[in-house]
Amino acid sequence: MKRFLFALLLGAASAGAEDNVLTLEQGMSLVIQNSPELKSSGMQARSGALEIDKADSRLGWQLRSTVKAEHDISFMGTPVDRGTVSAGLGKPLALGGNVELGLGYVYEDSALALSPLLPNPSHSSRADLSYRLPLAKGWGNVEYHSGMKSAEAQGEQARYEFLARQDGLGRQYIERYYGAAFVSRRLQHGRESLNRSKRLLAHIGRNERIGINDRKDRLQARALVHAREADLKTLELSWTQQRNALNRMMMQPWHKEFVPVVGPGDYTLPLEEALNQIRARDPYVGSIRARAEQAAAWVNNRRDNKRDTLDLTLSVGYRGLSGEDSAGASIDETDKAGSLTIEYRRGLDKRGVDADLMQAQLAHDSAMEQLTGAEADMEYNVASLHTEILRNQESVAAQRARLVAEQEKYREGQFRYRDGRIDISQLIQFEEELSAAELGLIQQETQLAQRLAIMSLWRGVLMPVVQLEPENREKN
């Protein structure tokens, strides 16, 4: 019955511990969801994505209208009442130029008719359909397409800047999480070492009472117990600091307890595969690449600005005039109208546009050099981390072999001590060497898990995906 109750209590304690476990992915999700800094950065990224709508709206239809009533004096000095209504609907075209439909109506009543053959009052109307085609500057609507590429690049840059901030926050959380995991495992190890020291002290105390050990042995064992207790108190303080820092990042109550875990350190990913995955999403490389694309769009726009203006405008329509002349005869005349206009304009001092083009070209070349450096840094960092993981795995295997050897040595030392073949100082030394081997394995396993988490972060498989498309985005 006692064994059953003990097993029941042990199972309840284990279940409580499992409920308190905090995995790296769970904590990362809380950081991403609750971080005020990241939410603010996400809003900036969504704002950057709206640049595409702003650029695309340049091809939107534009409506203009005018209603005007006036009383004026004609050039003959006679009073004139005039009413005007006009409207126009125009649209720039993606291939260049623009098309416009214009309508107009004018009512005019003069106190004195200029000619008995002209109607007074008169009603005149017009309608025009015109198309303006650029033959030099503006051909192909470089300004629109450059603006769209620039806006897309600006949106991509904002997205990558958000991703960089998210990765930076994730990297900070990983370091704190595994720092806390290391302290947590050291706490557990410290308690186990303290219990081992206490058992040794109790054994020596029993032997002292029957004359096998002397007082010196007991004092040495007791000093070891006090040293382990002091270390444990220091670790408890460190754990409190680590716990509070992690809870702050996750926006949880500062005193909330949890147990960070260190998972298995399996890593078999080839370097090239890791490089390809990271190269496709690296936020720092992506941000510079977007800046280079934006600079290239500026170069095309500035190059187009250097060209002379040569525009061809075609217009067709009709004109109408109606009313009655002074003799009471009705007048109703309509006729077709059309025009062809060629406009040429050239700037005689092109130093300004030349300087703009040169600045844009320099900005593009500078961005390309930065991109080369960023790609090289990325590849170096990934290769370095990849190598560190492989070496770390070897170190973990070596530490495990060392731990097995130290455990066997300590067990053998206990037998030798009981037989009186070694003294207490040597047994304590064996225990300390065993404790050091346990700590070494804990450290190497924690470092390996941290490096694997950073690699997963860079590959984009650790962080939850955050949607950055603006909500209720309107399309023309």
Protein backbone atom coordinates (compact mmCIF):
# COMPACT_ATOMS: atom_id res chain seq x y z
CA MET A 1 0.00 0.00 0.00
CA LYS A 2 2.84 2.36 0.89
CA ARG A 3 4.53 1.63 -2.42
CA PHE A 4 1.29 2.33 -4.27
CA LEU A 5 0.85 5.71 -2.56
CA PHE A 6 4.47 6.60 -3.24
CA ALA A 7 4.05 5.74 -6.94
CA LEU A 8 0.84 7.78 -7.08
CA LEU A 9 2.53 10.83 -5.55
CA LEU A 10 5.50 10.47 -7.88
CA GLY A 11 3.21 10.27 -10.90
CA ALA A 12 1.31 13.38 -9.79
CA ALA A 13 4.58 15.28 -9.36
CA SER A 14 5.75 14.20 -12.82
CA ALA A 15 2.45 15.29 -14.39
CA GLY A 16 2.75 18.69 -12.69
CA ALA A 17 6.27 19.09 -14.02
CA GLU A 18 5.13 18.23 -17.55
CA ASP A 19 2.36 20.82 -17.33
CA ASN A 20 5.03 23.37 -16.42
CA VAL A 21 7.30 22.55 -19.35
CA LEU A 22 7.97 25.43 -21.76
CA THR A 23 9.40 24.44 -25.13
CA LEU A 24 11.38 26.85 -27.25
CA GLU A 25 8.63 26.95 -29.90
CA GLN A 26 5.93 27.74 -27.32
CA GLY A 27 7.95 30.57 -25.85
CA MET A 28 8.86 31.92 -29.28
CA SER A 29 5.19 32.01 -30.25
CA LEU A 30 4.39 34.03 -27.12
CA VAL A 31 7.20 36.47 -27.89
CA ILE A 32 5.98 37.01 -31.46
CA GLN A 33 2.36 37.41 -30.41
CA ASN A 34 2.93 39.73 -27.45
CA SER A 35 6.01 41.82 -28.24
CA PRO A 36 5.00 45.52 -28.45
CA GLU A 37 8.21 46.31 -30.35
CA LEU A 38 7.44 43.68 -32.98
CA LYS A 39 3.83 44.82 -33.32
CA SER A 40 5.04 48.35 -33.99
CA SER A 41 7.53 47.08 -36.56
CA GLY A 42 4.76 45.04 -38.21
CA MET A 43 2.64 48.16 -38.59
CA GLN A 44 5.55 49.90 -40.31
CA ALA A 45 5.95 46.92 -42.65
CA ARG A 46 2.23 47.02 -43.52
CA SER A 47 2.57 50.73 -44.19
CA GLY A 48 5.46 50.02 -46.58
CA ALA A 49 3.35 47.45 -48.44
CA LEU A 50 0.80 50.19 -49.20
CA GLU A 51 3.37 51.95 -51.42
CA ILE A 52 2.33 49.59 -54.23
CA ASP A 53 -1.24 50.88 -54.10
CA LYS A 54 0.03 54.45 -54.16
CA ALA A 55 2.19 53.78 -57.21
CA ASP A 56 -0.51 51.79 -59.01
CA SER A 57 -3.05 54.57 -58.47
CA ARG A 58 -1.15 56.71 -60.98
CA LEU A 59 -2.97 54.81 -63.72
CA GLY A 60 -6.36 55.37 -62.16
CA TRP A 61 -9.18 57.21 -63.90
CA GLN A 62 -9.43 60.90 -63.06
CA LEU A 63 -12.70 62.82 -63.20
CA ARG A 64 -12.86 66.61 -63.34
CA SER A 65 -15.91 68.84 -63.58
CA THR A 66 -16.63 72.56 -63.49
CA VAL A 67 -19.85 74.51 -63.05
CA LYS A 68 -19.57 78.26 -63.42
CA ALA A 69 -22.05 81.16 -63.55
CA GLU A 70 -20.87 84.70 -64.23
CA HIS A 71 -21.98 88.21 -65.13
CA ASP A 72 -19.32 90.06 -67.11
CA ILE A 73 -18.68 92.86 -69.59
CA SER A 74 -17.80 91.85 -73.13
CA PHE A 75 -15.00 93.50 -75.10
CA MET A 76 -17.76 95.62 -76.74
CA GLY A 77 -18.74 96.94 -73.34
CA THR A 78 -22.09 95.20 -73.16
CA PRO A 79 -23.24 93.13 -70.15
CA VAL A 80 -23.11 89.36 -70.64
CA ASP A 81 -24.59 86.55 -68.54
CA ARG A 82 -22.80 83.25 -69.02
CA GLY A 83 -23.17 79.75 -67.58
CA THR A 84 -20.60 77.00 -68.16
CA VAL A 85 -20.64 73.28 -67.39
CA SER A 86 -17.64 71.10 -68.29
CA ALA A 87 -16.49 67.59 -67.42
CA GLY A 88 -13.57 65.39 -68.32
CA LEU A 89 -12.56 61.79 -67.76
CA GLY A 90 -8.92 60.89 -68.28
CA LYS A 91 -6.58 58.00 -67.71
CA PRO A 92 -2.81 57.59 -68.08
CA LEU A 93 -1.84 54.43 -69.97
CA ALA A 94 0.71 51.85 -68.89
CA LEU A 95 2.31 51.99 -72.35
CA GLY A 96 2.72 55.76 -72.16
CA GLY A 97 0.61 58.80 -72.86
CA ASN A 98 -2.95 59.28 -71.74
CA VAL A 99 -6.46 59.31 -73.11
CA GLU A 100 -9.13 61.84 -72.17
CA LEU A 101 -12.80 62.41 -72.94
CA GLY A 102 -14.00 65.99 -72.50
CA LEU A 103 -17.56 67.41 -72.58
CA GLY A 104 -18.69 71.05 -72.33
CA TYR A 105 -21.80 73.22 -72.44
CA VAL A 106 -22.01 77.04 -72.46
CA TYR A 107 -25.10 79.25 -72.20
CA GLU A 108 -24.56 82.91 -73.07
CA ASP A 109 -27.00 85.84 -73.02
CA SER A 110 -25.68 89.25 -74.10
CA ALA A 111 -27.51 92.55 -73.69
CA LEU A 112 -26.46 93.49 -77.23
CA ALA A 113 -25.90 90.99 -80.04
CA LEU A 114 -22.63 91.36 -81.86
CA SER A 115 -24.20 90.30 -85.15
CA PRO A 116 -27.84 89.84 -86.16
CA LEU A 117 -26.85 86.49 -87.67
CA LEU A 118 -25.59 85.05 -84.37
CA PRO A 119 -27.99 83.52 -81.89
CA ASN A 120 -28.59 85.41 -78.69
CA PRO A 121 -29.00 83.85 -76.21
CA SER A 122 -26.89 80.94 -77.48
CA HIS A 123 -26.29 77.33 -76.47
CA SER A 124 -22.99 75.80 -77.45
CA SER A 125 -21.76 72.29 -76.73
CA ARG A 126 -18.65 70.31 -77.45
CA ALA A 127 -17.19 66.81 -77.05
CA ASP A 128 -13.56 65.78 -77.56
CA LEU A 129 -11.66 62.52 -77.42
CA SER A 130 -7.92 63.08 -77.31
CA TYR A 131 -4.87 60.85 -77.06
CA ARG A 132 -1.44 62.12 -76.10
CA LEU A 133 1.42 59.88 -77.21
CA PRO A 134 4.99 60.52 -76.05
CA LEU A 135 7.56 59.73 -78.73
CA ALA A 136 10.69 60.44 -76.68
CA LYS A 137 10.58 61.21 -72.96
CA GLY A 138 7.86 59.11 -71.35
CA TRP A 139 7.77 56.48 -74.09
CA GLY A 140 6.65 53.22 -72.47
CA ASN A 141 5.65 55.15 -69.32
CA VAL A 142 9.02 54.64 -67.67
CA GLU A 143 7.98 56.83 -64.76
CA TYR A 144 5.04 54.56 -63.89
CA HIS A 145 6.93 51.29 -64.27
CA SER A 146 9.92 52.64 -62.37
CA GLY A 147 7.58 53.87 -59.67
CA MET A 148 5.94 50.44 -59.43
CA LYS A 149 9.30 48.68 -59.20
CA SER A 150 10.44 51.18 -56.60
CA ALA A 151 7.24 50.70 -54.60
CA GLU A 152 7.51 46.91 -54.77
CA ALA A 153 11.14 47.13 -53.67
CA GLN A 154 10.18 49.50 -50.86
CA GLY A 155 7.49 47.07 -49.72
CA GLU A 156 9.98 44.20 -49.86
CA GLN A 157 12.51 46.23 -47.93
CA ALA A 158 9.95 47.00 -45.23
CA ARG A 159 9.06 43.30 -45.05
CA TYR A 160 12.69 42.26 -44.74
CA GLU A 161 13.34 44.91 -42.12
CA PHE A 162 10.45 43.47 -40.11
CA LEU A 163 11.88 39.99 -40.62
CA ALA A 164 15.30 41.22 -39.46
CA ARG A 165 13.79 42.66 -36.32
CA GLN A 166 11.82 39.46 -35.77
CA ASP A 167 14.97 37.37 -36.22
CA GLY A 168 16.88 39.68 -33.90
CA LEU A 169 14.21 39.27 -31.25
CA GLY A 170 14.17 35.51 -31.87
CA ARG A 171 17.96 35.33 -31.52
CA GLN A 172 17.76 37.24 -28.26
CA TYR A 173 15.06 34.90 -26.98
CA ILE A 174 17.03 31.80 -27.99
CA GLU A 175 20.08 33.00 -26.09
CA ARG A 176 18.03 33.80 -23.00
CA TYR A 177 16.01 30.61 -23.24
CA TYR A 178 19.05 28.36 -23.36
CA GLY A 179 20.80 30.49 -20.77
CA ALA A 180 17.83 29.78 -18.52
CA ALA A 181 17.84 26.11 -19.56
CA PHE A 182 21.51 25.85 -18.62
CA VAL A 183 20.85 27.37 -15.20
CA SER A 184 17.79 25.14 -14.73
CA ARG A 185 19.80 22.02 -15.52
CA ARG A 186 22.62 23.20 -13.28
CA LEU A 187 20.05 23.63 -10.50
CA GLN A 188 18.87 20.08 -11.00
CA HIS A 189 22.46 18.88 -11.10
CA GLY A 190 23.30 20.95 -8.01
CA ARG A 191 20.49 19.31 -6.06
CA GLU A 192 21.66 15.87 -7.16
CA SER A 193 25.26 16.69 -6.20
CA LEU A 194 24.10 18.04 -2.83
CA ASN A 195 22.12 14.88 -2.16
CA ARG A 196 25.15 12.81 -3.13
CA SER A 197 27.33 14.84 -0.75
CA LYS A 198 24.80 14.48 2.03
CA ARG A 199 24.72 10.73 1.57
CA LEU A 200 28.49 10.66 1.76
CA LEU A 201 28.42 12.78 4.94
CA ALA A 202 25.82 10.48 6.52
CA HIS A 203 27.92 7.43 5.63
CA ILE A 204 31.03 8.95 7.19
CA GLY A 205 29.04 9.93 10.28
CA ARG A 206 27.95 6.34 10.76
CA ASN A 207 31.49 5.09 10.26
CA GLU A 208 32.80 7.68 12.74
CA ARG A 209 30.48 6.41 15.44
CA ILE A 210 31.82 2.90 15.07
CA GLY A 211 35.42 4.08 14.79
CA ILE A 212 36.07 3.46 11.09
CA ASN A 213 36.42 7.17 10.16
CA ASP A 214 37.82 10.01 12.18
CA ARG A 215 36.59 13.57 12.72
CA LYS A 216 38.74 14.95 9.87
CA ASP A 217 36.84 12.89 7.31
CA ARG A 218 33.51 14.15 8.58
CA LEU A 219 34.69 17.77 8.49
CA GLN A 220 35.84 17.42 4.89
CA ALA A 221 32.51 15.88 3.87
CA ARG A 222 30.56 18.55 5.74
CA ALA A 223 32.59 21.31 4.06
CA LEU A 224 31.68 19.77 0.71
CA VAL A 225 27.98 19.81 1.66
CA HIS A 226 28.15 23.50 2.66
CA ALA A 227 29.97 24.38 -0.56
CA ARG A 228 27.26 22.65 -2.61
CA GLU A 229 24.53 24.42 -0.63
CA ALA A 230 26.17 27.81 -1.28
CA ASP A 231 26.46 27.02 -5.00
CA LEU A 232 22.80 26.03 -5.03
CA LYS A 233 21.72 29.36 -3.49
CA THR A 234 23.73 31.25 -6.11
CA LEU A 235 22.10 29.21 -8.87
CA GLU A 236 18.63 29.88 -7.44
CA LEU A 237 19.31 33.61 -7.62
CA SER A 238 20.55 33.28 -11.20
CA TRP A 239 17.44 31.26 -12.11
CA THR A 240 15.18 33.98 -10.69
CA GLN A 241 16.91 36.55 -12.91
CA GLN A 242 16.70 34.32 -16.00
CA ARG A 243 13.05 33.47 -15.34
CA ASN A 244 12.07 37.13 -14.94
CA ALA A 245 13.90 38.14 -18.13
CA LEU A 246 12.17 35.41 -20.16
CA ASN A 247 8.76 36.24 -18.73
CA ARG A 248 9.32 39.87 -19.70
CA MET A 249 10.02 38.90 -23.30
CA MET A 250 6.93 36.67 -23.39
CA MET A 251 4.84 39.35 -21.58
CA GLN A 252 3.94 36.83 -18.86
CA PRO A 253 3.68 37.45 -15.08
CA TRP A 254 7.21 38.00 -13.79
CA HIS A 255 6.96 35.22 -11.19
CA LYS A 256 5.47 32.55 -13.49
CA GLU A 257 7.43 29.34 -13.14
CA PHE A 258 8.31 27.09 -16.07
CA VAL A 259 10.83 24.43 -17.01
CA PRO A 260 12.86 25.05 -20.20
CA VAL A 261 13.90 21.89 -22.00
CA VAL A 262 16.90 20.95 -24.11
CA GLY A 263 15.93 18.66 -26.95
CA PRO A 264 18.05 16.12 -28.81
CA GLY A 265 20.93 17.50 -30.85
CA ASP A 266 20.41 15.68 -34.15
CA TYR A 267 21.72 17.51 -37.22
CA THR A 268 22.30 15.88 -40.59
CA LEU A 269 21.50 18.79 -42.96
CA PRO A 270 24.06 19.27 -45.77
CA LEU A 271 25.69 22.69 -45.84
CA GLU A 272 24.53 23.50 -49.38
CA GLU A 273 20.91 22.79 -48.52
CA ALA A 274 21.14 25.02 -45.46
CA LEU A 275 22.75 27.77 -47.56
CA ASN A 276 20.03 27.58 -50.21
CA GLN A 277 17.27 27.83 -47.60
CA ILE A 278 18.88 30.74 -45.79
CA ARG A 279 19.87 32.55 -48.99
CA ALA A 280 16.20 32.63 -50.05
CA ARG A 281 14.99 34.37 -46.85
CA ASP A 282 17.94 36.08 -45.20
CA PRO A 283 16.46 39.44 -44.11
CA TYR A 284 19.71 41.40 -44.29
CA VAL A 285 20.57 40.20 -47.80
CA GLY A 286 16.94 40.62 -48.86
CA SER A 287 16.77 44.18 -47.56
CA ILE A 288 19.92 45.22 -49.43
CA ARG A 289 18.72 43.42 -52.57
CA ALA A 290 15.43 45.34 -52.41
CA ARG A 291 17.37 48.58 -51.98
CA ALA A 292 19.45 47.71 -55.06
CA GLU A 293 16.27 47.05 -57.07
CA GLN A 294 14.84 50.36 -55.91
CA ALA A 295 18.03 52.13 -56.98
CA ALA A 296 17.85 50.42 -60.39
CA ALA A 297 14.31 51.77 -60.81
CA TRP A 298 15.57 55.25 -59.98
CA VAL A 299 18.31 54.90 -62.61
CA ASN A 300 15.74 54.06 -65.30
CA ASN A 301 13.58 56.99 -64.23
CA ARG A 302 16.48 59.45 -64.22
CA ARG A 303 17.68 58.17 -67.59
CA ASP A 304 14.22 58.83 -69.05
CA ASN A 305 14.28 62.35 -67.60
CA LYS A 306 17.35 63.14 -69.71
CA ARG A 307 15.45 62.64 -72.95
CA ASP A 308 13.82 65.49 -74.86
CA THR A 309 10.05 65.84 -74.88
CA LEU A 310 8.36 65.01 -78.19
CA ASP A 311 4.62 64.47 -77.75
CA LEU A 312 1.99 63.82 -80.41
CA THR A 313 -1.60 64.70 -79.51
CA LEU A 314 -4.56 63.56 -81.57
CA SER A 315 -8.04 64.91 -80.90
CA VAL A 316 -11.43 64.33 -82.52
CA GLY A 317 -14.86 65.62 -81.53
CA TYR A 318 -17.76 67.80 -82.46
CA ARG A 319 -18.99 71.35 -81.91
CA GLY A 320 -22.61 72.52 -81.69
CA LEU A 321 -24.26 75.94 -81.63
CA SER A 322 -27.99 76.60 -81.27
CA GLY A 323 -30.36 79.49 -80.58
CA GLU A 324 -32.30 82.22 -82.41
CA ASP A 325 -30.94 85.25 -84.26
CA SER A 326 -32.34 88.75 -84.00
CA ALA A 327 -34.83 87.98 -86.78
CA GLY A 328 -36.27 85.04 -84.87
CA ALA A 329 -34.75 82.40 -87.15
CA SER A 330 -33.69 79.18 -85.43
CA ILE A 331 -30.02 78.28 -85.67
CA ASP A 332 -28.78 74.76 -85.02
CA GLU A 333 -25.31 74.05 -86.37
CA THR A 334 -23.07 71.03 -85.62
CA ASP A 335 -19.80 70.02 -87.17
CA LYS A 336 -16.92 67.66 -86.63
CA ALA A 337 -13.71 68.89 -85.06
CA GLY A 338 -10.20 67.48 -84.93
CA SER A 339 -6.61 68.50 -84.35
CA LEU A 340 -3.07 67.18 -84.56
CA THR A 341 -0.43 68.72 -82.32
CA ILE A 342 3.29 68.03 -82.08
CA GLU A 343 5.07 69.43 -79.06
CA TYR A 344 8.85 69.47 -78.66
CA ARG A 345 10.73 70.63 -75.60
CA ARG A 346 14.44 70.43 -74.78
CA GLY A 347 16.31 71.58 -71.73
CA LEU A 348 19.41 73.50 -72.68
CA ASP A 349 21.17 73.01 -69.32
CA LYS A 350 21.19 69.30 -68.48
CA ARG A 351 23.64 69.43 -65.60
CA GLY A 352 20.82 68.88 -63.10
CA VAL A 353 19.42 65.76 -64.78
CA ASP A 354 22.94 64.47 -65.42
CA ALA A 355 23.72 64.85 -61.72
CA ASP A 356 20.46 63.08 -60.78
CA LEU A 357 21.35 60.19 -63.08
CA MET A 358 24.88 59.95 -61.70
CA GLN A 359 23.61 59.98 -58.11
CA ALA A 360 21.11 57.23 -58.88
CA GLN A 361 23.80 55.17 -60.58
CA LEU A 362 26.16 55.61 -57.64
CA ALA A 363 23.41 54.60 -55.22
CA HIS A 364 22.78 51.47 -57.29
CA ASP A 365 26.47 50.57 -57.49
CA SER A 366 26.85 51.14 -53.75
CA ALA A 367 23.88 48.88 -53.03
CA MET A 368 25.31 46.16 -55.27
CA GLU A 369 28.65 46.30 -53.41
CA GLN A 370 26.81 46.07 -50.10
CA LEU A 371 24.81 43.13 -51.47
CA THR A 372 28.02 41.31 -52.40
CA GLY A 373 29.39 41.87 -48.90
CA ALA A 374 26.14 40.83 -47.21
CA GLU A 375 25.93 37.60 -49.23
CA ALA A 376 29.54 36.79 -48.37
CA ASP A 377 28.88 37.47 -44.67
CA MET A 378 25.78 35.29 -44.77
CA GLU A 379 27.60 32.37 -46.37
CA TYR A 380 30.51 32.72 -43.94
CA ASN A 381 28.20 32.85 -40.90
CA VAL A 382 26.17 29.84 -42.05
CA ALA A 383 29.28 27.79 -42.84
CA SER A 384 30.80 28.77 -39.51
CA LEU A 385 27.66 27.80 -37.57
CA HIS A 386 27.39 24.56 -39.55
CA THR A 387 30.97 23.64 -38.60
CA GLU A 388 30.39 24.62 -34.97
CA ILE A 389 27.35 22.32 -34.81
CA LEU A 390 29.33 19.38 -36.19
CA ARG A 391 32.17 20.00 -33.72
CA ASN A 392 29.67 20.50 -30.93
CA GLN A 393 28.13 17.11 -31.71
CA GLU A 394 31.57 15.52 -31.43
CA SER A 395 32.13 17.33 -28.14
CA VAL A 396 28.81 16.04 -26.76
CA ALA A 397 29.78 12.49 -27.68
CA ALA A 398 33.18 12.94 -25.99
CA GLN A 399 31.59 14.41 -22.87
CA ARG A 400 29.18 11.49 -22.64
CA ALA A 401 32.09 9.04 -22.82
CA ARG A 402 33.90 11.05 -20.15
CA LEU A 403 30.82 10.99 -17.92
CA VAL A 404 30.53 7.20 -18.20
CA ALA A 405 34.19 6.86 -17.24
CA GLU A 406 33.84 9.26 -14.28
CA GLN A 407 30.74 7.41 -13.06
CA GLU A 408 32.61 4.10 -13.14
CA LYS A 409 35.60 5.71 -11.42
CA TYR A 410 33.43 7.15 -8.66
CA ARG A 411 31.64 3.86 -8.06
CA GLU A 412 35.00 2.08 -7.90
CA GLY A 413 36.25 4.78 -5.52
CA GLN A 414 33.32 4.16 -3.20
CA PHE A 415 34.21 0.48 -3.00
CA ARG A 416 37.89 1.30 -2.41
CA TYR A 417 36.97 3.81 0.30
CA ARG A 418 34.81 1.27 2.09
CA ASP A 419 37.69 -1.20 1.95
CA GLY A 420 40.06 1.45 3.28
CA ARG A 421 42.26 1.51 0.19
CA ILE A 422 41.76 5.30 -0.45
CA ASP A 423 41.11 8.17 1.94
CA ILE A 424 38.20 10.60 1.99
CA SER A 425 40.11 13.35 0.15
CA GLN A 426 40.55 11.15 -2.91
CA LEU A 427 36.89 10.08 -2.84
CA ILE A 428 35.80 13.72 -2.66
CA GLN A 429 38.11 14.46 -5.58
CA PHE A 430 36.47 11.64 -7.56
CA GLU A 431 33.05 13.09 -6.72
CA GLU A 432 34.09 16.57 -7.86
CA GLU A 433 35.49 15.18 -11.10
CA LEU A 434 32.20 13.34 -11.66
CA SER A 435 30.31 16.56 -10.99
CA ALA A 436 32.55 18.42 -13.45
CA ALA A 437 31.89 15.78 -16.12
CA GLU A 438 28.14 16.10 -15.57
CA LEU A 439 28.35 19.88 -15.86
CA GLY A 440 30.50 19.60 -18.98
CA LEU A 441 27.90 17.43 -20.67
CA ILE A 442 25.09 19.78 -19.62
CA GLN A 443 26.99 22.74 -21.06
CA GLN A 444 27.83 21.06 -24.37
CA GLU A 445 24.28 19.74 -24.86
CA THR A 446 22.82 23.19 -24.12
CA GLN A 447 25.24 24.91 -26.49
CA LEU A 448 24.44 22.39 -29.23
CA ALA A 449 20.68 22.93 -28.77
CA GLN A 450 21.21 26.71 -28.92
CA ARG A 451 23.24 26.49 -32.13
CA LEU A 452 20.64 24.21 -33.71
CA ALA A 453 17.90 26.67 -32.76
CA ILE A 454 19.81 29.54 -34.37
CA MET A 455 20.25 27.49 -37.56
CA SER A 456 16.51 26.74 -37.56
CA LEU A 457 15.82 30.44 -37.03
CA TRP A 458 17.97 31.40 -40.02
CA ARG A 459 16.31 28.72 -42.16
CA GLY A 460 12.86 30.10 -41.30
CA VAL A 461 11.50 26.89 -39.75
CA LEU A 462 11.38 28.08 -36.14
CA MET A 463 9.46 31.35 -36.15
CA PRO A 464 5.70 31.45 -36.81
CA VAL A 465 4.76 33.11 -40.10
CA VAL A 466 3.39 36.63 -39.65
CA GLN A 467 1.10 38.02 -42.37
CA LEU A 468 2.05 41.56 -43.32
CA GLU A 469 -0.51 42.31 -46.04
CA PRO A 470 -2.54 45.40 -45.12
CA GLU A 471 -6.06 44.58 -43.99
CA ASN A 472 -9.01 45.73 -46.16
CA ARG A 473 -6.63 46.59 -48.95
CA GLU A 474 -8.50 48.32 -51.77
CA LYS A 475 -7.77 47.51 -55.39
CA ASN A 476 -8.51 49.81 -58.30
